[in-house]
Amino acid sequence: MYQRIRDMREDRDLPQRALAELLHISQATYSRYESGGLDVPSSALIALALYYGTSVDYLLGLTDDPAPYRR
């Protein structure tokens, strides 16, 4: 999961600071999410999935299909 959220950010050439602002956390906290130093809370996973247009399952590595769920 940690590598996947890092890869998605880097693929979009976004700094950690941009995602930290989206999640209303410090850049240091976001960095710890990506390094695995902190577990990513479910609310942050949902926000990241919505931001990237994917599913939480994709972020968690439960599927390799990045398509979001249909409502």
PDB file of N, CA and C in Angstrom:
ATOM      1  N   MET A   1       0.824  -1.183   0.000  1.00  0.00           N
ATOM      2  CA  MET A   1       0.000   0.000   0.000  1.00  0.00           C
ATOM      3  C   MET A   1       0.869   1.247   0.000  1.00  0.00           C
ATOM      4  N   TYR A   2       1.899   1.271   0.806  1.00  0.00           N
ATOM      5  CA  TYR A   2       2.706   2.487   0.952  1.00  0.00           C
ATOM      6  C   TYR A   2       3.393   2.838  -0.361  1.00  0.00           C
ATOM      7  N   GLN A   3       3.923   1.832  -1.030  1.00  0.00           N
ATOM      8  CA  GLN A   3       4.573   2.072  -2.313  1.00  0.00           C
ATOM      9  C   GLN A   3       3.569   2.548  -3.353  1.00  0.00           C
ATOM     10  N   ARG A   4       2.366   2.008  -3.304  1.00  0.00           N
ATOM     11  CA  ARG A   4       1.360   2.382  -4.296  1.00  0.00           C
ATOM     12  C   ARG A   4       0.962   3.844  -4.139  1.00  0.00           C
ATOM     13  N   ILE A   5       0.770   4.319  -2.908  1.00  0.00           N
ATOM     14  CA  ILE A   5       0.384   5.730  -2.765  1.00  0.00           C
ATOM     15  C   ILE A   5       1.553   6.643  -3.146  1.00  0.00           C
ATOM     16  N   ARG A   6       2.774   6.192  -2.902  1.00  0.00           N
ATOM     17  CA  ARG A   6       3.940   6.979  -3.334  1.00  0.00           C
ATOM     18  C   ARG A   6       4.015   7.007  -4.858  1.00  0.00           C
ATOM     19  N   ASP A   7       3.853   5.845  -5.490  1.00  0.00           N
ATOM     20  CA  ASP A   7       3.928   5.780  -6.950  1.00  0.00           C
ATOM     21  C   ASP A   7       2.859   6.655  -7.604  1.00  0.00           C
ATOM     22  N   MET A   8       1.660   6.638  -7.075  1.00  0.00           N
ATOM     23  CA  MET A   8       0.585   7.440  -7.657  1.00  0.00           C
ATOM     24  C   MET A   8       0.909   8.933  -7.547  1.00  0.00           C
ATOM     25  N   ARG A   9       1.461   9.334  -6.429  1.00  0.00           N
ATOM     26  CA  ARG A   9       1.840  10.743  -6.254  1.00  0.00           C
ATOM     27  C   ARG A   9       2.958  11.107  -7.220  1.00  0.00           C
ATOM     28  N   GLU A  10       3.979  10.269  -7.288  1.00  0.00           N
ATOM     29  CA  GLU A  10       5.122  10.563  -8.146  1.00  0.00           C
ATOM     30  C   GLU A  10       4.750  10.535  -9.629  1.00  0.00           C
ATOM     31  N   ASP A  11       3.832   9.648 -10.020  1.00  0.00           N
ATOM     32  CA  ASP A  11       3.389   9.592 -11.414  1.00  0.00           C
ATOM     33  C   ASP A  11       2.741  10.903 -11.846  1.00  0.00           C
ATOM     34  N   ARG A  12       2.204  11.632 -10.903  1.00  0.00           N
ATOM     35  CA  ARG A  12       1.544  12.908 -11.187  1.00  0.00           C
ATOM     36  C   ARG A  12       2.440  14.109 -10.871  1.00  0.00           C
ATOM     37  N   ASP A  13       3.682  13.824 -10.539  1.00  0.00           N
ATOM     38  CA  ASP A  13       4.664  14.871 -10.210  1.00  0.00           C
ATOM     39  C   ASP A  13       4.169  15.813  -9.117  1.00  0.00           C
ATOM     40  N   LEU A  14       3.549  15.224  -8.100  1.00  0.00           N
ATOM     41  CA  LEU A  14       3.041  16.009  -6.976  1.00  0.00           C
ATOM     42  C   LEU A  14       4.010  15.937  -5.799  1.00  0.00           C
ATOM     43  N   PRO A  15       4.220  17.044  -5.116  1.00  0.00           N
ATOM     44  CA  PRO A  15       5.021  16.981  -3.891  1.00  0.00           C
ATOM     45  C   PRO A  15       4.180  16.417  -2.748  1.00  0.00           C
ATOM     46  N   GLN A  16       4.835  15.856  -1.771  1.00  0.00           N
ATOM     47  CA  GLN A  16       4.113  15.343  -0.599  1.00  0.00           C
ATOM     48  C   GLN A  16       3.272  16.435   0.040  1.00  0.00           C
ATOM     49  N   ARG A  17       3.778  17.640   0.013  1.00  0.00           N
ATOM     50  CA  ARG A  17       3.079  18.772   0.620  1.00  0.00           C
ATOM     51  C   ARG A  17       1.661  18.944   0.049  1.00  0.00           C
ATOM     52  N   ALA A  18       1.503  18.725  -1.263  1.00  0.00           N
ATOM     53  CA  ALA A  18       0.193  18.880  -1.901  1.00  0.00           C
ATOM     54  C   ALA A  18      -0.813  17.869  -1.351  1.00  0.00           C
ATOM     55  N   LEU A  19      -0.378  16.634  -1.165  1.00  0.00           N
ATOM     56  CA  LEU A  19      -1.276  15.614  -0.618  1.00  0.00           C
ATOM     57  C   LEU A  19      -1.527  15.857   0.860  1.00  0.00           C
ATOM     58  N   ALA A  20      -0.529  16.328   1.556  1.00  0.00           N
ATOM     59  CA  ALA A  20      -0.699  16.647   2.977  1.00  0.00           C
ATOM     60  C   ALA A  20      -1.759  17.738   3.142  1.00  0.00           C
ATOM     61  N   GLU A  21      -1.722  18.743   2.271  1.00  0.00           N
ATOM     62  CA  GLU A  21      -2.723  19.809   2.341  1.00  0.00           C
ATOM     63  C   GLU A  21      -4.114  19.261   2.057  1.00  0.00           C
ATOM     64  N   LEU A  22      -4.228  18.386   1.071  1.00  0.00           N
ATOM     65  CA  LEU A  22      -5.509  17.762   0.750  1.00  0.00           C
ATOM     66  C   LEU A  22      -6.084  17.038   1.966  1.00  0.00           C
ATOM     67  N   LEU A  23      -5.201  16.366   2.709  1.00  0.00           N
ATOM     68  CA  LEU A  23      -5.630  15.565   3.855  1.00  0.00           C
ATOM     69  C   LEU A  23      -5.651  16.353   5.168  1.00  0.00           C
ATOM     70  N   HIS A  24      -5.228  17.619   5.119  1.00  0.00           N
ATOM     71  CA  HIS A  24      -5.186  18.480   6.310  1.00  0.00           C
ATOM     72  C   HIS A  24      -4.267  17.906   7.392  1.00  0.00           C
ATOM     73  N   ILE A  25      -3.097  17.485   6.928  1.00  0.00           N
ATOM     74  CA  ILE A  25      -2.070  16.965   7.830  1.00  0.00           C
ATOM     75  C   ILE A  25      -0.742  17.619   7.468  1.00  0.00           C
ATOM     76  N   SER A  26       0.278  17.396   8.271  1.00  0.00           N
ATOM     77  CA  SER A  26       1.597  17.949   7.951  1.00  0.00           C
ATOM     78  C   SER A  26       2.274  17.097   6.884  1.00  0.00           C
ATOM     79  N   GLN A  27       3.239  17.710   6.218  1.00  0.00           N
ATOM     80  CA  GLN A  27       4.018  16.972   5.215  1.00  0.00           C
ATOM     81  C   GLN A  27       4.775  15.830   5.882  1.00  0.00           C
ATOM     82  N   ALA A  28       5.233  16.038   7.107  1.00  0.00           N
ATOM     83  CA  ALA A  28       5.959  14.985   7.829  1.00  0.00           C
ATOM     84  C   ALA A  28       5.063  13.780   8.087  1.00  0.00           C
ATOM     85  N   THR A  29       3.817  14.026   8.434  1.00  0.00           N
ATOM     86  CA  THR A  29       2.878  12.923   8.660  1.00  0.00           C
ATOM     87  C   THR A  29       2.635  12.172   7.360  1.00  0.00           C
ATOM     88  N   TYR A  30       2.428  12.920   6.270  1.00  0.00           N
ATOM     89  CA  TYR A  30       2.209  12.257   4.983  1.00  0.00           C
ATOM     90  C   TYR A  30       3.429  11.424   4.587  1.00  0.00           C
ATOM     91  N   SER A  31       4.602  11.955   4.829  1.00  0.00           N
ATOM     92  CA  SER A  31       5.827  11.219   4.533  1.00  0.00           C
ATOM     93  C   SER A  31       5.866   9.903   5.300  1.00  0.00           C
ATOM     94  N   ARG A  32       5.424   9.927   6.532  1.00  0.00           N
ATOM     95  CA  ARG A  32       5.394   8.698   7.337  1.00  0.00           C
ATOM     96  C   ARG A  32       4.354   7.715   6.802  1.00  0.00           C
ATOM     97  N   TYR A  33       3.261   8.212   6.208  1.00  0.00           N
ATOM     98  CA  TYR A  33       2.310   7.316   5.541  1.00  0.00           C
ATOM     99  C   TYR A  33       3.011   6.567   4.412  1.00  0.00           C
ATOM    100  N   GLU A  34       3.733   7.309   3.577  1.00  0.00           N
ATOM    101  CA  GLU A  34       4.384   6.689   2.416  1.00  0.00           C
ATOM    102  C   GLU A  34       5.510   5.741   2.797  1.00  0.00           C
ATOM    103  N   SER A  35       6.172   6.015   3.900  1.00  0.00           N
ATOM    104  CA  SER A  35       7.290   5.158   4.308  1.00  0.00           C
ATOM    105  C   SER A  35       6.831   3.960   5.135  1.00  0.00           C
ATOM    106  N   GLY A  36       5.563   3.948   5.517  1.00  0.00           N
ATOM    107  CA  GLY A  36       5.055   2.865   6.346  1.00  0.00           C
ATOM    108  C   GLY A  36       5.274   3.102   7.825  1.00  0.00           C
ATOM    109  N   GLY A  37       5.748   4.295   8.192  1.00  0.00           N
ATOM    110  CA  GLY A  37       5.963   4.622   9.589  1.00  0.00           C
ATOM    111  C   GLY A  37       4.678   4.857  10.360  1.00  0.00           C
ATOM    112  N   LEU A  38       3.603   5.151   9.638  1.00  0.00           N
ATOM    113  CA  LEU A  38       2.282   5.333  10.226  1.00  0.00           C
ATOM    114  C   LEU A  38       1.264   4.615   9.356  1.00  0.00           C
ATOM    115  N   ASP A  39       0.279   4.000   9.974  1.00  0.00           N
ATOM    116  CA  ASP A  39      -0.824   3.440   9.213  1.00  0.00           C
ATOM    117  C   ASP A  39      -1.671   4.588   8.678  1.00  0.00           C
ATOM    118  N   VAL A  40      -2.143   4.431   7.462  1.00  0.00           N
ATOM    119  CA  VAL A  40      -2.973   5.452   6.837  1.00  0.00           C
ATOM    120  C   VAL A  40      -4.405   5.251   7.327  1.00  0.00           C
ATOM    121  N   PRO A  41      -5.002   6.267   7.953  1.00  0.00           N
ATOM    122  CA  PRO A  41      -6.382   6.115   8.439  1.00  0.00           C
ATOM    123  C   PRO A  41      -7.364   5.928   7.277  1.00  0.00           C
ATOM    124  N   SER A  42      -8.467   5.276   7.554  1.00  0.00           N
ATOM    125  CA  SER A  42      -9.451   5.010   6.502  1.00  0.00           C
ATOM    126  C   SER A  42      -9.951   6.296   5.863  1.00  0.00           C
ATOM    127  N   SER A  43     -10.114   7.347   6.633  1.00  0.00           N
ATOM    128  CA  SER A  43     -10.582   8.612   6.052  1.00  0.00           C
ATOM    129  C   SER A  43      -9.585   9.154   5.036  1.00  0.00           C
ATOM    130  N   ALA A  44      -8.304   8.988   5.284  1.00  0.00           N
ATOM    131  CA  ALA A  44      -7.274   9.432   4.343  1.00  0.00           C
ATOM    132  C   ALA A  44      -7.260   8.537   3.109  1.00  0.00           C
ATOM    133  N   LEU A  45      -7.435   7.244   3.282  1.00  0.00           N
ATOM    134  CA  LEU A  45      -7.491   6.339   2.138  1.00  0.00           C
ATOM    135  C   LEU A  45      -8.664   6.682   1.226  1.00  0.00           C
ATOM    136  N   ILE A  46      -9.798   6.976   1.813  1.00  0.00           N
ATOM    137  CA  ILE A  46     -10.981   7.345   1.026  1.00  0.00           C
ATOM    138  C   ILE A  46     -10.713   8.639   0.264  1.00  0.00           C
ATOM    139  N   ALA A  47     -10.141   9.627   0.944  1.00  0.00           N
ATOM    140  CA  ALA A  47      -9.838  10.907   0.301  1.00  0.00           C
ATOM    141  C   ALA A  47      -8.840  10.722  -0.842  1.00  0.00           C
ATOM    142  N   LEU A  48      -7.825   9.899  -0.643  1.00  0.00           N
ATOM    143  CA  LEU A  48      -6.840   9.653  -1.697  1.00  0.00           C
ATOM    144  C   LEU A  48      -7.472   8.918  -2.878  1.00  0.00           C
ATOM    145  N   ALA A  49      -8.312   7.936  -2.599  1.00  0.00           N
ATOM    146  CA  ALA A  49      -8.981   7.194  -3.676  1.00  0.00           C
ATOM    147  C   ALA A  49      -9.859   8.133  -4.500  1.00  0.00           C
ATOM    148  N   LEU A  50     -10.596   9.005  -3.841  1.00  0.00           N
ATOM    149  CA  LEU A  50     -11.429   9.967  -4.567  1.00  0.00           C
ATOM    150  C   LEU A  50     -10.570  10.928  -5.377  1.00  0.00           C
ATOM    151  N   TYR A  51      -9.489  11.396  -4.791  1.00  0.00           N
ATOM    152  CA  TYR A  51      -8.597  12.334  -5.469  1.00  0.00           C
ATOM    153  C   TYR A  51      -7.985  11.708  -6.723  1.00  0.00           C
ATOM    154  N   TYR A  52      -7.529  10.468  -6.611  1.00  0.00           N
ATOM    155  CA  TYR A  52      -6.879   9.786  -7.724  1.00  0.00           C
ATOM    156  C   TYR A  52      -7.863   9.106  -8.675  1.00  0.00           C
ATOM    157  N   GLY A  53      -9.146   9.063  -8.306  1.00  0.00           N
ATOM    158  CA  GLY A  53     -10.130   8.409  -9.159  1.00  0.00           C
ATOM    159  C   GLY A  53      -9.957   6.916  -9.217  1.00  0.00           C
ATOM    160  N   THR A  54      -9.674   6.317  -8.084  1.00  0.00           N
ATOM    161  CA  THR A  54      -9.465   4.873  -7.999  1.00  0.00           C
ATOM    162  C   THR A  54     -10.253   4.336  -6.807  1.00  0.00           C
ATOM    163  N   SER A  55     -10.023   3.097  -6.448  1.00  0.00           N
ATOM    164  CA  SER A  55     -10.700   2.506  -5.296  1.00  0.00           C
ATOM    165  C   SER A  55      -9.734   2.352  -4.125  1.00  0.00           C
ATOM    166  N   VAL A  56     -10.294   2.278  -2.946  1.00  0.00           N
ATOM    167  CA  VAL A  56      -9.482   2.015  -1.760  1.00  0.00           C
ATOM    168  C   VAL A  56      -8.828   0.639  -1.889  1.00  0.00           C
ATOM    169  N   ASP A  57      -9.542  -0.310  -2.468  1.00  0.00           N
ATOM    170  CA  ASP A  57      -8.962  -1.647  -2.666  1.00  0.00           C
ATOM    171  C   ASP A  57      -7.694  -1.577  -3.508  1.00  0.00           C
ATOM    172  N   TYR A  58      -7.682  -0.713  -4.523  1.00  0.00           N
ATOM    173  CA  TYR A  58      -6.482  -0.550  -5.347  1.00  0.00           C
ATOM    174  C   TYR A  58      -5.347   0.023  -4.511  1.00  0.00           C
ATOM    175  N   LEU A  59      -5.644   1.051  -3.728  1.00  0.00           N
ATOM    176  CA  LEU A  59      -4.610   1.652  -2.882  1.00  0.00           C
ATOM    177  C   LEU A  59      -4.044   0.641  -1.894  1.00  0.00           C
ATOM    178  N   LEU A  60      -4.903  -0.227  -1.382  1.00  0.00           N
ATOM    179  CA  LEU A  60      -4.478  -1.227  -0.412  1.00  0.00           C
ATOM    180  C   LEU A  60      -3.772  -2.421  -1.048  1.00  0.00           C
ATOM    181  N   GLY A  61      -3.805  -2.503  -2.369  1.00  0.00           N
ATOM    182  CA  GLY A  61      -3.171  -3.625  -3.049  1.00  0.00           C
ATOM    183  C   GLY A  61      -4.035  -4.870  -3.104  1.00  0.00           C
ATOM    184  N   LEU A  62      -5.340  -4.720  -2.854  1.00  0.00           N
ATOM    185  CA  LEU A  62      -6.245  -5.863  -2.903  1.00  0.00           C
ATOM    186  C   LEU A  62      -6.685  -6.198  -4.317  1.00  0.00           C
ATOM    187  N   THR A  63      -6.478  -5.253  -5.234  1.00  0.00           N
ATOM    188  CA  THR A  63      -6.758  -5.471  -6.644  1.00  0.00           C
ATOM    189  C   THR A  63      -5.709  -4.705  -7.445  1.00  0.00           C
ATOM    190  N   ASP A  64      -5.469  -5.171  -8.650  1.00  0.00           N
ATOM    191  CA  ASP A  64      -4.563  -4.457  -9.545  1.00  0.00           C
ATOM    192  C   ASP A  64      -5.333  -3.628 -10.568  1.00  0.00           C
ATOM    193  N   ASP A  65      -6.649  -3.616 -10.438  1.00  0.00           N
ATOM    194  CA  ASP A  65      -7.506  -2.832 -11.326  1.00  0.00           C
ATOM    195  C   ASP A  65      -7.696  -1.446 -10.714  1.00  0.00           C
ATOM    196  N   PRO A  66      -7.134  -0.413 -11.336  1.00  0.00           N
ATOM    197  CA  PRO A  66      -7.233   0.930 -10.748  1.00  0.00           C
ATOM    198  C   PRO A  66      -8.586   1.604 -10.951  1.00  0.00           C
ATOM    199  N   ALA A  67      -9.492   0.977 -11.705  1.00  0.00           N
ATOM    200  CA  ALA A  67     -10.792   1.583 -11.963  1.00  0.00           C
ATOM    201  C   ALA A  67     -11.566   1.751 -10.663  1.00  0.00           C
ATOM    202  N   PRO A  68     -12.210   2.908 -10.499  1.00  0.00           N
ATOM    203  CA  PRO A  68     -13.019   3.105  -9.291  1.00  0.00           C
ATOM    204  C   PRO A  68     -14.280   2.261  -9.358  1.00  0.00           C
ATOM    205  N   TYR A  69     -14.902   2.051  -8.220  1.00  0.00           N
ATOM    206  CA  TYR A  69     -16.173   1.331  -8.179  1.00  0.00           C
ATOM    207  C   TYR A  69     -17.265   2.205  -8.768  1.00  0.00           C
ATOM    208  N   ARG A  70     -18.201   1.568  -9.389  1.00  0.00           N
ATOM    209  CA  ARG A  70     -19.366   2.277  -9.919  1.00  0.00           C
ATOM    210  C   ARG A  70     -20.416   2.356  -8.817  1.00  0.00           C
ATOM    211  N   ARG A  71     -21.062   3.479  -8.747  1.00  0.00           N
ATOM    212  CA  ARG A  71     -22.120   3.626  -7.728  1.00  0.00           C
ATOM    213  C   ARG A  71     -23.456   3.340  -8.307  1.00  0.00           C
TER     214      ARG A  71
END
